[in-house]
mmCIF file of all heavy atoms, coordinates in Angstrom:
data_MODEL
# 
_entry.id   MODEL 
# 
loop_
_atom_site.group_PDB 
_atom_site.id 
_atom_site.type_symbol 
_atom_site.label_atom_id 
_atom_site.label_alt_id 
_atom_site.label_comp_id 
_atom_site.label_asym_id 
_atom_site.label_entity_id 
_atom_site.label_seq_id 
_atom_site.pdbx_PDB_ins_code 
_atom_site.Cartn_x 
_atom_site.Cartn_y 
_atom_site.Cartn_z 
_atom_site.occupancy 
_atom_site.B_iso_or_equiv 
_atom_site.pdbx_formal_charge 
_atom_site.auth_seq_id 
_atom_site.auth_comp_id 
_atom_site.auth_asym_id 
_atom_site.auth_atom_id 
_atom_site.pdbx_PDB_model_num 
ATOM 1   N N   . ILE A 1 1  ? -30.594 -49.954 -24.109 1.00 0.00 ? 1  ILE A N   1 
ATOM 2   C CA  . ILE A 1 1  ? -30.497 -49.585 -25.515 1.00 0.00 ? 1  ILE A CA  1 
ATOM 3   C C   . ILE A 1 1  ? -30.803 -48.098 -25.651 1.00 0.00 ? 1  ILE A C   1 
ATOM 4   O O   . ILE A 1 1  ? -31.812 -47.618 -25.144 1.00 0.00 ? 1  ILE A O   1 
ATOM 5   C CB  . ILE A 1 1  ? -31.482 -50.401 -26.369 1.00 0.00 ? 1  ILE A CB  1 
ATOM 6   C CG1 . ILE A 1 1  ? -31.164 -51.888 -26.252 1.00 0.00 ? 1  ILE A CG1 1 
ATOM 7   C CG2 . ILE A 1 1  ? -31.460 -49.935 -27.818 1.00 0.00 ? 1  ILE A CG2 1 
ATOM 8   C CD1 . ILE A 1 1  ? -32.214 -52.786 -26.858 1.00 0.00 ? 1  ILE A CD1 1 
ATOM 9   N N   . ILE A 1 2  ? -29.940 -47.384 -26.360 1.00 0.00 ? 2  ILE A N   1 
ATOM 10  C CA  . ILE A 1 2  ? -30.135 -45.965 -26.645 1.00 0.00 ? 2  ILE A CA  1 
ATOM 11  C C   . ILE A 1 2  ? -30.426 -45.834 -28.133 1.00 0.00 ? 2  ILE A C   1 
ATOM 12  O O   . ILE A 1 2  ? -29.705 -46.384 -28.965 1.00 0.00 ? 2  ILE A O   1 
ATOM 13  C CB  . ILE A 1 2  ? -28.872 -45.141 -26.315 1.00 0.00 ? 2  ILE A CB  1 
ATOM 14  C CG1 . ILE A 1 2  ? -28.427 -45.353 -24.875 1.00 0.00 ? 2  ILE A CG1 1 
ATOM 15  C CG2 . ILE A 1 2  ? -29.084 -43.669 -26.630 1.00 0.00 ? 2  ILE A CG2 1 
ATOM 16  C CD1 . ILE A 1 2  ? -29.424 -44.934 -23.843 1.00 0.00 ? 2  ILE A CD1 1 
ATOM 17  N N   . VAL A 1 3  ? -31.478 -45.096 -28.469 1.00 0.00 ? 3  VAL A N   1 
ATOM 18  C CA  . VAL A 1 3  ? -31.822 -44.819 -29.860 1.00 0.00 ? 3  VAL A CA  1 
ATOM 19  C C   . VAL A 1 3  ? -31.763 -43.310 -30.048 1.00 0.00 ? 3  VAL A C   1 
ATOM 20  O O   . VAL A 1 3  ? -32.416 -42.563 -29.329 1.00 0.00 ? 3  VAL A O   1 
ATOM 21  C CB  . VAL A 1 3  ? -33.231 -45.352 -30.218 1.00 0.00 ? 3  VAL A CB  1 
ATOM 22  C CG1 . VAL A 1 3  ? -33.566 -45.033 -31.666 1.00 0.00 ? 3  VAL A CG1 1 
ATOM 23  C CG2 . VAL A 1 3  ? -33.310 -46.853 -29.954 1.00 0.00 ? 3  VAL A CG2 1 
ATOM 24  N N   . VAL A 1 4  ? -30.967 -42.875 -31.034 1.00 0.00 ? 4  VAL A N   1 
ATOM 25  C CA  . VAL A 1 4  ? -30.777 -41.457 -31.313 1.00 0.00 ? 4  VAL A CA  1 
ATOM 26  C C   . VAL A 1 4  ? -31.168 -41.199 -32.762 1.00 0.00 ? 4  VAL A C   1 
ATOM 27  O O   . VAL A 1 4  ? -30.783 -41.956 -33.654 1.00 0.00 ? 4  VAL A O   1 
ATOM 28  C CB  . VAL A 1 4  ? -29.302 -41.039 -31.099 1.00 0.00 ? 4  VAL A CB  1 
ATOM 29  C CG1 . VAL A 1 4  ? -29.102 -39.575 -31.387 1.00 0.00 ? 4  VAL A CG1 1 
ATOM 30  C CG2 . VAL A 1 4  ? -28.834 -41.389 -29.700 1.00 0.00 ? 4  VAL A CG2 1 
ATOM 31  N N   . SER A 1 5  ? -31.919 -40.136 -32.990 1.00 0.00 ? 5  SER A N   1 
ATOM 32  C CA  . SER A 1 5  ? -32.245 -39.753 -34.367 1.00 0.00 ? 5  SER A CA  1 
ATOM 33  C C   . SER A 1 5  ? -32.405 -38.245 -34.445 1.00 0.00 ? 5  SER A C   1 
ATOM 34  O O   . SER A 1 5  ? -32.480 -37.561 -33.420 1.00 0.00 ? 5  SER A O   1 
ATOM 35  C CB  . SER A 1 5  ? -33.522 -40.451 -34.835 1.00 0.00 ? 5  SER A CB  1 
ATOM 36  O OG  . SER A 1 5  ? -34.637 -39.969 -34.140 1.00 0.00 ? 5  SER A OG  1 
ATOM 37  N N   . ASP A 1 6  ? -32.454 -37.752 -35.664 1.00 0.00 ? 6  ASP A N   1 
ATOM 38  C CA  . ASP A 1 6  ? -32.683 -36.323 -35.913 1.00 0.00 ? 6  ASP A CA  1 
ATOM 39  C C   . ASP A 1 6  ? -31.722 -35.431 -35.140 1.00 0.00 ? 6  ASP A C   1 
ATOM 40  O O   . ASP A 1 6  ? -32.114 -34.425 -34.556 1.00 0.00 ? 6  ASP A O   1 
ATOM 41  C CB  . ASP A 1 6  ? -34.131 -35.941 -35.587 1.00 0.00 ? 6  ASP A CB  1 
ATOM 42  C CG  . ASP A 1 6  ? -35.124 -36.699 -36.454 1.00 0.00 ? 6  ASP A CG  1 
ATOM 43  O OD1 . ASP A 1 6  ? -34.919 -36.710 -37.680 1.00 0.00 ? 6  ASP A OD1 1 
ATOM 44  O OD2 . ASP A 1 6  ? -36.061 -37.287 -35.908 1.00 0.00 ? 6  ASP A OD2 1 
ATOM 45  N N   . SER A 1 7  ? -30.464 -35.797 -35.138 1.00 0.00 ? 7  SER A N   1 
ATOM 46  C CA  . SER A 1 7  ? -29.464 -35.031 -34.383 1.00 0.00 ? 7  SER A CA  1 
ATOM 47  C C   . SER A 1 7  ? -29.003 -33.779 -35.113 1.00 0.00 ? 7  SER A C   1 
ATOM 48  O O   . SER A 1 7  ? -28.536 -32.839 -34.477 1.00 0.00 ? 7  SER A O   1 
ATOM 49  C CB  . SER A 1 7  ? -28.266 -35.914 -34.041 1.00 0.00 ? 7  SER A CB  1 
ATOM 50  O OG  . SER A 1 7  ? -27.835 -36.643 -35.167 1.00 0.00 ? 7  SER A OG  1 
ATOM 51  N N   . HIS A 1 8  ? -29.105 -33.753 -36.425 1.00 0.00 ? 8  HIS A N   1 
ATOM 52  C CA  . HIS A 1 8  ? -28.844 -32.554 -37.229 1.00 0.00 ? 8  HIS A CA  1 
ATOM 53  C C   . HIS A 1 8  ? -27.521 -31.862 -36.906 1.00 0.00 ? 8  HIS A C   1 
ATOM 54  O O   . HIS A 1 8  ? -27.457 -30.634 -36.829 1.00 0.00 ? 8  HIS A O   1 
ATOM 55  C CB  . HIS A 1 8  ? -29.989 -31.557 -37.099 1.00 0.00 ? 8  HIS A CB  1 
ATOM 56  C CG  . HIS A 1 8  ? -31.304 -32.098 -37.566 1.00 0.00 ? 8  HIS A CG  1 
ATOM 57  N ND1 . HIS A 1 8  ? -31.620 -32.224 -38.895 1.00 0.00 ? 8  HIS A ND1 1 
ATOM 58  C CD2 . HIS A 1 8  ? -32.360 -32.588 -36.866 1.00 0.00 ? 8  HIS A CD2 1 
ATOM 59  C CE1 . HIS A 1 8  ? -32.833 -32.747 -39.000 1.00 0.00 ? 8  HIS A CE1 1 
ATOM 60  N NE2 . HIS A 1 8  ? -33.302 -32.981 -37.777 1.00 0.00 ? 8  HIS A NE2 1 
ATOM 61  N N   . GLY A 1 9  ? -26.484 -32.631 -36.657 1.00 0.00 ? 9  GLY A N   1 
ATOM 62  C CA  . GLY A 1 9  ? -25.163 -32.056 -36.430 1.00 0.00 ? 9  GLY A CA  1 
ATOM 63  C C   . GLY A 1 9  ? -24.970 -31.419 -35.072 1.00 0.00 ? 9  GLY A C   1 
ATOM 64  O O   . GLY A 1 9  ? -23.965 -30.743 -34.843 1.00 0.00 ? 9  GLY A O   1 
ATOM 65  N N   . ASN A 1 10 ? -25.886 -31.620 -34.161 1.00 0.00 ? 10 ASN A N   1 
ATOM 66  C CA  . ASN A 1 10 ? -25.795 -31.005 -32.830 1.00 0.00 ? 10 ASN A CA  1 
ATOM 67  C C   . ASN A 1 10 ? -25.004 -31.922 -31.896 1.00 0.00 ? 10 ASN A C   1 
ATOM 68  O O   . ASN A 1 10 ? -25.557 -32.543 -30.989 1.00 0.00 ? 10 ASN A O   1 
ATOM 69  C CB  . ASN A 1 10 ? -27.202 -30.736 -32.286 1.00 0.00 ? 10 ASN A CB  1 
ATOM 70  C CG  . ASN A 1 10 ? -27.181 -29.895 -31.043 1.00 0.00 ? 10 ASN A CG  1 
ATOM 71  O OD1 . ASN A 1 10 ? -26.127 -29.513 -30.547 1.00 0.00 ? 10 ASN A OD1 1 
ATOM 72  N ND2 . ASN A 1 10 ? -28.343 -29.602 -30.520 1.00 0.00 ? 10 ASN A ND2 1 
ATOM 73  N N   . TRP A 1 11 ? -23.699 -31.979 -32.086 1.00 0.00 ? 11 TRP A N   1 
ATOM 74  C CA  . TRP A 1 11 ? -22.831 -32.877 -31.319 1.00 0.00 ? 11 TRP A CA  1 
ATOM 75  C C   . TRP A 1 11 ? -22.726 -32.470 -29.854 1.00 0.00 ? 11 TRP A C   1 
ATOM 76  O O   . TRP A 1 11 ? -22.408 -33.290 -29.009 1.00 0.00 ? 11 TRP A O   1 
ATOM 77  C CB  . TRP A 1 11 ? -21.457 -32.948 -31.951 1.00 0.00 ? 11 TRP A CB  1 
ATOM 78  C CG  . TRP A 1 11 ? -21.461 -33.554 -33.316 1.00 0.00 ? 11 TRP A CG  1 
ATOM 79  C CD1 . TRP A 1 11 ? -22.539 -34.022 -34.012 1.00 0.00 ? 11 TRP A CD1 1 
ATOM 80  C CD2 . TRP A 1 11 ? -20.342 -33.769 -34.157 1.00 0.00 ? 11 TRP A CD2 1 
ATOM 81  N NE1 . TRP A 1 11 ? -22.148 -34.509 -35.219 1.00 0.00 ? 11 TRP A NE1 1 
ATOM 82  C CE2 . TRP A 1 11 ? -20.803 -34.358 -35.343 1.00 0.00 ? 11 TRP A CE2 1 
ATOM 83  C CE3 . TRP A 1 11 ? -18.995 -33.507 -34.023 1.00 0.00 ? 11 TRP A CE3 1 
ATOM 84  C CZ2 . TRP A 1 11 ? -19.958 -34.706 -36.395 1.00 0.00 ? 11 TRP A CZ2 1 
ATOM 85  C CZ3 . TRP A 1 11 ? -18.154 -33.852 -35.065 1.00 0.00 ? 11 TRP A CZ3 1 
ATOM 86  C CH2 . TRP A 1 11 ? -18.632 -34.449 -36.240 1.00 0.00 ? 11 TRP A CH2 1 
ATOM 87  N N   . ALA A 1 12 ? -22.997 -31.221 -29.533 1.00 0.00 ? 12 ALA A N   1 
ATOM 88  C CA  . ALA A 1 12 ? -22.930 -30.774 -28.136 1.00 0.00 ? 12 ALA A CA  1 
ATOM 89  C C   . ALA A 1 12 ? -23.931 -31.549 -27.274 1.00 0.00 ? 12 ALA A C   1 
ATOM 90  O O   . ALA A 1 12 ? -23.664 -31.808 -26.099 1.00 0.00 ? 12 ALA A O   1 
ATOM 91  C CB  . ALA A 1 12 ? -23.199 -29.279 -28.052 1.00 0.00 ? 12 ALA A CB  1 
ATOM 92  N N   . VAL A 1 13 ? -25.043 -31.927 -27.859 1.00 0.00 ? 13 VAL A N   1 
ATOM 93  C CA  . VAL A 1 13 ? -26.032 -32.720 -27.123 1.00 0.00 ? 13 VAL A CA  1 
ATOM 94  C C   . VAL A 1 13 ? -25.445 -34.077 -26.755 1.00 0.00 ? 13 VAL A C   1 
ATOM 95  O O   . VAL A 1 13 ? -25.679 -34.597 -25.663 1.00 0.00 ? 13 VAL A O   1 
ATOM 96  C CB  . VAL A 1 13 ? -27.324 -32.893 -27.954 1.00 0.00 ? 13 VAL A CB  1 
ATOM 97  C CG1 . VAL A 1 13 ? -28.265 -33.887 -27.315 1.00 0.00 ? 13 VAL A CG1 1 
ATOM 98  C CG2 . VAL A 1 13 ? -28.005 -31.556 -28.139 1.00 0.00 ? 13 VAL A CG2 1 
ATOM 99  N N   . PHE A 1 14 ? -24.660 -34.664 -27.652 1.00 0.00 ? 14 PHE A N   1 
ATOM 100 C CA  . PHE A 1 14 ? -24.037 -35.954 -27.369 1.00 0.00 ? 14 PHE A CA  1 
ATOM 101 C C   . PHE A 1 14 ? -23.128 -35.863 -26.146 1.00 0.00 ? 14 PHE A C   1 
ATOM 102 O O   . PHE A 1 14 ? -23.071 -36.789 -25.344 1.00 0.00 ? 14 PHE A O   1 
ATOM 103 C CB  . PHE A 1 14 ? -23.236 -36.467 -28.565 1.00 0.00 ? 14 PHE A CB  1 
ATOM 104 C CG  . PHE A 1 14 ? -24.066 -36.735 -29.799 1.00 0.00 ? 14 PHE A CG  1 
ATOM 105 C CD1 . PHE A 1 14 ? -23.488 -36.643 -31.045 1.00 0.00 ? 14 PHE A CD1 1 
ATOM 106 C CD2 . PHE A 1 14 ? -25.400 -37.093 -29.713 1.00 0.00 ? 14 PHE A CD2 1 
ATOM 107 C CE1 . PHE A 1 14 ? -24.230 -36.905 -32.187 1.00 0.00 ? 14 PHE A CE1 1 
ATOM 108 C CE2 . PHE A 1 14 ? -26.151 -37.353 -30.848 1.00 0.00 ? 14 PHE A CE2 1 
ATOM 109 C CZ  . PHE A 1 14 ? -25.559 -37.256 -32.095 1.00 0.00 ? 14 PHE A CZ  1 
ATOM 110 N N   . ASP A 1 15 ? -22.417 -34.766 -26.029 1.00 0.00 ? 15 ASP A N   1 
ATOM 111 C CA  . ASP A 1 15 ? -21.548 -34.582 -24.861 1.00 0.00 ? 15 ASP A CA  1 
ATOM 112 C C   . ASP A 1 15 ? -22.372 -34.484 -23.569 1.00 0.00 ? 15 ASP A C   1 
ATOM 113 O O   . ASP A 1 15 ? -21.949 -34.977 -22.529 1.00 0.00 ? 15 ASP A O   1 
ATOM 114 C CB  . ASP A 1 15 ? -20.677 -33.342 -25.022 1.00 0.00 ? 15 ASP A CB  1 
ATOM 115 C CG  . ASP A 1 15 ? -19.601 -33.521 -26.085 1.00 0.00 ? 15 ASP A CG  1 
ATOM 116 O OD1 . ASP A 1 15 ? -19.199 -34.674 -26.339 1.00 0.00 ? 15 ASP A OD1 1 
ATOM 117 O OD2 . ASP A 1 15 ? -19.173 -32.503 -26.665 1.00 0.00 ? 15 ASP A OD2 1 
ATOM 118 N N   . LYS A 1 16 ? -23.533 -33.877 -23.657 1.00 0.00 ? 16 LYS A N   1 
ATOM 119 C CA  . LYS A 1 16 ? -24.382 -33.732 -22.474 1.00 0.00 ? 16 LYS A CA  1 
ATOM 120 C C   . LYS A 1 16 ? -24.940 -35.069 -21.998 1.00 0.00 ? 16 LYS A C   1 
ATOM 121 O O   . LYS A 1 16 ? -25.205 -35.227 -20.806 1.00 0.00 ? 16 LYS A O   1 
ATOM 122 C CB  . LYS A 1 16 ? -25.532 -32.777 -22.762 1.00 0.00 ? 16 LYS A CB  1 
ATOM 123 C CG  . LYS A 1 16 ? -25.099 -31.340 -22.906 1.00 0.00 ? 16 LYS A CG  1 
ATOM 124 C CD  . LYS A 1 16 ? -26.263 -30.427 -23.173 1.00 0.00 ? 16 LYS A CD  1 
ATOM 125 C CE  . LYS A 1 16 ? -25.805 -28.997 -23.330 1.00 0.00 ? 16 LYS A CE  1 
ATOM 126 N NZ  . LYS A 1 16 ? -26.919 -28.088 -23.593 1.00 0.00 ? 16 LYS A NZ  1 
ATOM 127 N N   . ILE A 1 17 ? -25.127 -35.998 -22.911 1.00 0.00 ? 17 ILE A N   1 
ATOM 128 C CA  . ILE A 1 17 ? -25.687 -37.302 -22.524 1.00 0.00 ? 17 ILE A CA  1 
ATOM 129 C C   . ILE A 1 17 ? -24.634 -38.412 -22.590 1.00 0.00 ? 17 ILE A C   1 
ATOM 130 O O   . ILE A 1 17 ? -24.970 -39.589 -22.665 1.00 0.00 ? 17 ILE A O   1 
ATOM 131 C CB  . ILE A 1 17 ? -26.933 -37.652 -23.366 1.00 0.00 ? 17 ILE A CB  1 
ATOM 132 C CG1 . ILE A 1 17 ? -26.601 -37.741 -24.861 1.00 0.00 ? 17 ILE A CG1 1 
ATOM 133 C CG2 . ILE A 1 17 ? -28.048 -36.664 -23.103 1.00 0.00 ? 17 ILE A CG2 1 
ATOM 134 C CD1 . ILE A 1 17 ? -27.749 -38.284 -25.695 1.00 0.00 ? 17 ILE A CD1 1 
ATOM 135 N N   . ASP A 1 18 ? -23.394 -38.028 -22.521 1.00 0.00 ? 18 ASP A N   1 
ATOM 136 C CA  . ASP A 1 18 ? -22.295 -38.992 -22.604 1.00 0.00 ? 18 ASP A CA  1 
ATOM 137 C C   . ASP A 1 18 ? -22.399 -40.092 -21.543 1.00 0.00 ? 18 ASP A C   1 
ATOM 138 O O   . ASP A 1 18 ? -22.139 -41.255 -21.809 1.00 0.00 ? 18 ASP A O   1 
ATOM 139 C CB  . ASP A 1 18 ? -20.953 -38.275 -22.500 1.00 0.00 ? 18 ASP A CB  1 
ATOM 140 C CG  . ASP A 1 18 ? -19.792 -39.173 -22.856 1.00 0.00 ? 18 ASP A CG  1 
ATOM 141 O OD1 . ASP A 1 18 ? -19.777 -39.699 -23.982 1.00 0.00 ? 18 ASP A OD1 1 
ATOM 142 O OD2 . ASP A 1 18 ? -18.920 -39.369 -21.997 1.00 0.00 ? 18 ASP A OD2 1 
ATOM 143 N N   . ARG A 1 19 ? -22.810 -39.737 -20.340 1.00 0.00 ? 19 ARG A N   1 
ATOM 144 C CA  . ARG A 1 19 ? -22.951 -40.721 -19.268 1.00 0.00 ? 19 ARG A CA  1 
ATOM 145 C C   . ARG A 1 19 ? -23.961 -41.803 -19.649 1.00 0.00 ? 19 ARG A C   1 
ATOM 146 O O   . ARG A 1 19 ? -23.767 -42.979 -19.377 1.00 0.00 ? 19 ARG A O   1 
ATOM 147 C CB  . ARG A 1 19 ? -23.385 -40.037 -17.979 1.00 0.00 ? 19 ARG A CB  1 
ATOM 148 C CG  . ARG A 1 19 ? -23.513 -40.983 -16.791 1.00 0.00 ? 19 ARG A CG  1 
ATOM 149 C CD  . ARG A 1 19 ? -24.067 -40.304 -15.550 1.00 0.00 ? 19 ARG A CD  1 
ATOM 150 N NE  . ARG A 1 19 ? -25.367 -39.679 -15.737 1.00 0.00 ? 19 ARG A NE  1 
ATOM 151 C CZ  . ARG A 1 19 ? -26.538 -40.346 -15.748 1.00 0.00 ? 19 ARG A CZ  1 
ATOM 152 N NH1 . ARG A 1 19 ? -26.556 -41.635 -15.571 1.00 0.00 ? 19 ARG A NH1 1 
ATOM 153 N NH2 . ARG A 1 19 ? -27.673 -39.702 -15.920 1.00 0.00 ? 19 ARG A NH2 1 
ATOM 154 N N   . ILE A 1 20 ? -25.019 -41.400 -20.328 1.00 0.00 ? 20 ILE A N   1 
ATOM 155 C CA  . ILE A 1 20 ? -26.029 -42.361 -20.767 1.00 0.00 ? 20 ILE A CA  1 
ATOM 156 C C   . ILE A 1 20 ? -25.435 -43.297 -21.810 1.00 0.00 ? 20 ILE A C   1 
ATOM 157 O O   . ILE A 1 20 ? -25.667 -44.506 -21.784 1.00 0.00 ? 20 ILE A O   1 
ATOM 158 C CB  . ILE A 1 20 ? -27.266 -41.628 -21.308 1.00 0.00 ? 20 ILE A CB  1 
ATOM 159 C CG1 . ILE A 1 20 ? -27.920 -40.837 -20.180 1.00 0.00 ? 20 ILE A CG1 1 
ATOM 160 C CG2 . ILE A 1 20 ? -28.258 -42.613 -21.930 1.00 0.00 ? 20 ILE A CG2 1 
ATOM 161 C CD1 . ILE A 1 20 ? -29.008 -39.890 -20.639 1.00 0.00 ? 20 ILE A CD1 1 
ATOM 162 N N   . PHE A 1 21 ? -24.651 -42.748 -22.734 1.00 0.00 ? 21 PHE A N   1 
ATOM 163 C CA  . PHE A 1 21 ? -23.976 -43.593 -23.726 1.00 0.00 ? 21 PHE A CA  1 
ATOM 164 C C   . PHE A 1 21 ? -23.039 -44.588 -23.046 1.00 0.00 ? 21 PHE A C   1 
ATOM 165 O O   . PHE A 1 21 ? -22.983 -45.754 -23.416 1.00 0.00 ? 21 PHE A O   1 
ATOM 166 C CB  . PHE A 1 21 ? -23.173 -42.754 -24.720 1.00 0.00 ? 21 PHE A CB  1 
ATOM 167 C CG  . PHE A 1 21 ? -24.001 -41.996 -25.728 1.00 0.00 ? 21 PHE A CG  1 
ATOM 168 C CD1 . PHE A 1 21 ? -23.594 -40.753 -26.168 1.00 0.00 ? 21 PHE A CD1 1 
ATOM 169 C CD2 . PHE A 1 21 ? -25.166 -42.517 -26.253 1.00 0.00 ? 21 PHE A CD2 1 
ATOM 170 C CE1 . PHE A 1 21 ? -24.324 -40.052 -27.113 1.00 0.00 ? 21 PHE A CE1 1 
ATOM 171 C CE2 . PHE A 1 21 ? -25.909 -41.827 -27.196 1.00 0.00 ? 21 PHE A CE2 1 
ATOM 172 C CZ  . PHE A 1 21 ? -25.485 -40.584 -27.628 1.00 0.00 ? 21 PHE A CZ  1 
ATOM 173 N N   . LEU A 1 22 ? -22.302 -44.125 -22.068 1.00 0.00 ? 22 LEU A N   1 
ATOM 174 C CA  . LEU A 1 22 ? -21.359 -44.994 -21.366 1.00 0.00 ? 22 LEU A CA  1 
ATOM 175 C C   . LEU A 1 22 ? -22.064 -46.158 -20.674 1.00 0.00 ? 22 LEU A C   1 
ATOM 176 O O   . LEU A 1 22 ? -21.554 -47.276 -20.648 1.00 0.00 ? 22 LEU A O   1 
ATOM 177 C CB  . LEU A 1 22 ? -20.565 -44.195 -20.322 1.00 0.00 ? 22 LEU A CB  1 
ATOM 178 C CG  . LEU A 1 22 ? -19.486 -43.274 -20.857 1.00 0.00 ? 22 LEU A CG  1 
ATOM 179 C CD1 . LEU A 1 22 ? -18.971 -42.360 -19.754 1.00 0.00 ? 22 LEU A CD1 1 
ATOM 180 C CD2 . LEU A 1 22 ? -18.355 -44.075 -21.452 1.00 0.00 ? 22 LEU A CD2 1 
ATOM 181 N N   . GLU A 1 23 ? -23.235 -45.904 -20.114 1.00 0.00 ? 23 GLU A N   1 
ATOM 182 C CA  . GLU A 1 23 ? -23.965 -46.923 -19.372 1.00 0.00 ? 23 GLU A CA  1 
ATOM 183 C C   . GLU A 1 23 ? -24.757 -47.877 -20.268 1.00 0.00 ? 23 GLU A C   1 
ATOM 184 O O   . GLU A 1 23 ? -25.245 -48.894 -19.794 1.00 0.00 ? 23 GLU A O   1 
ATOM 185 C CB  . GLU A 1 23 ? -24.924 -46.251 -18.389 1.00 0.00 ? 23 GLU A CB  1 
ATOM 186 C CG  . GLU A 1 23 ? -24.219 -45.487 -17.295 1.00 0.00 ? 23 GLU A CG  1 
ATOM 187 C CD  . GLU A 1 23 ? -25.171 -44.703 -16.416 1.00 0.00 ? 23 GLU A CD  1 
ATOM 188 O OE1 . GLU A 1 23 ? -26.396 -44.694 -16.697 1.00 0.00 ? 23 GLU A OE1 1 
ATOM 189 O OE2 . GLU A 1 23 ? -24.696 -44.098 -15.442 1.00 0.00 ? 23 GLU A OE2 1 
ATOM 190 N N   . SER A 1 24 ? -24.895 -47.545 -21.534 1.00 0.00 ? 24 SER A N   1 
ATOM 191 C CA  . SER A 1 24 ? -25.728 -48.358 -22.426 1.00 0.00 ? 24 SER A CA  1 
ATOM 192 C C   . SER A 1 24 ? -24.960 -49.569 -22.947 1.00 0.00 ? 24 SER A C   1 
ATOM 193 O O   . SER A 1 24 ? -23.727 -49.605 -22.963 1.00 0.00 ? 24 SER A O   1 
ATOM 194 C CB  . SER A 1 24 ? -26.210 -47.514 -23.598 1.00 0.00 ? 24 SER A CB  1 
ATOM 195 O OG  . SER A 1 24 ? -25.136 -47.225 -24.470 1.00 0.00 ? 24 SER A OG  1 
ATOM 196 N N   . ASP A 1 25 ? -25.729 -50.559 -23.390 1.00 0.00 ? 25 ASP A N   1 
ATOM 197 C CA  . ASP A 1 25 ? -25.150 -51.746 -24.013 1.00 0.00 ? 25 ASP A CA  1 
ATOM 198 C C   . ASP A 1 25 ? -25.127 -51.632 -25.533 1.00 0.00 ? 25 ASP A C   1 
ATOM 199 O O   . ASP A 1 25 ? -24.244 -52.175 -26.190 1.00 0.00 ? 25 ASP A O   1 
ATOM 200 C CB  . ASP A 1 25 ? -25.951 -52.989 -23.609 1.00 0.00 ? 25 ASP A CB  1 
ATOM 201 C CG  . ASP A 1 25 ? -25.864 -53.232 -22.122 1.00 0.00 ? 25 ASP A CG  1 
ATOM 202 O OD1 . ASP A 1 25 ? -24.749 -53.474 -21.634 1.00 0.00 ? 25 ASP A OD1 1 
ATOM 203 O OD2 . ASP A 1 25 ? -26.906 -53.147 -21.440 1.00 0.00 ? 25 ASP A OD2 1 
# 
């Protein structure tokens, strides 16, 4: 499980952790 908060429009961070998103359920 991945929990994300307080991202404040910083989508570049999402790209950096994309592998983690892919591996999550």
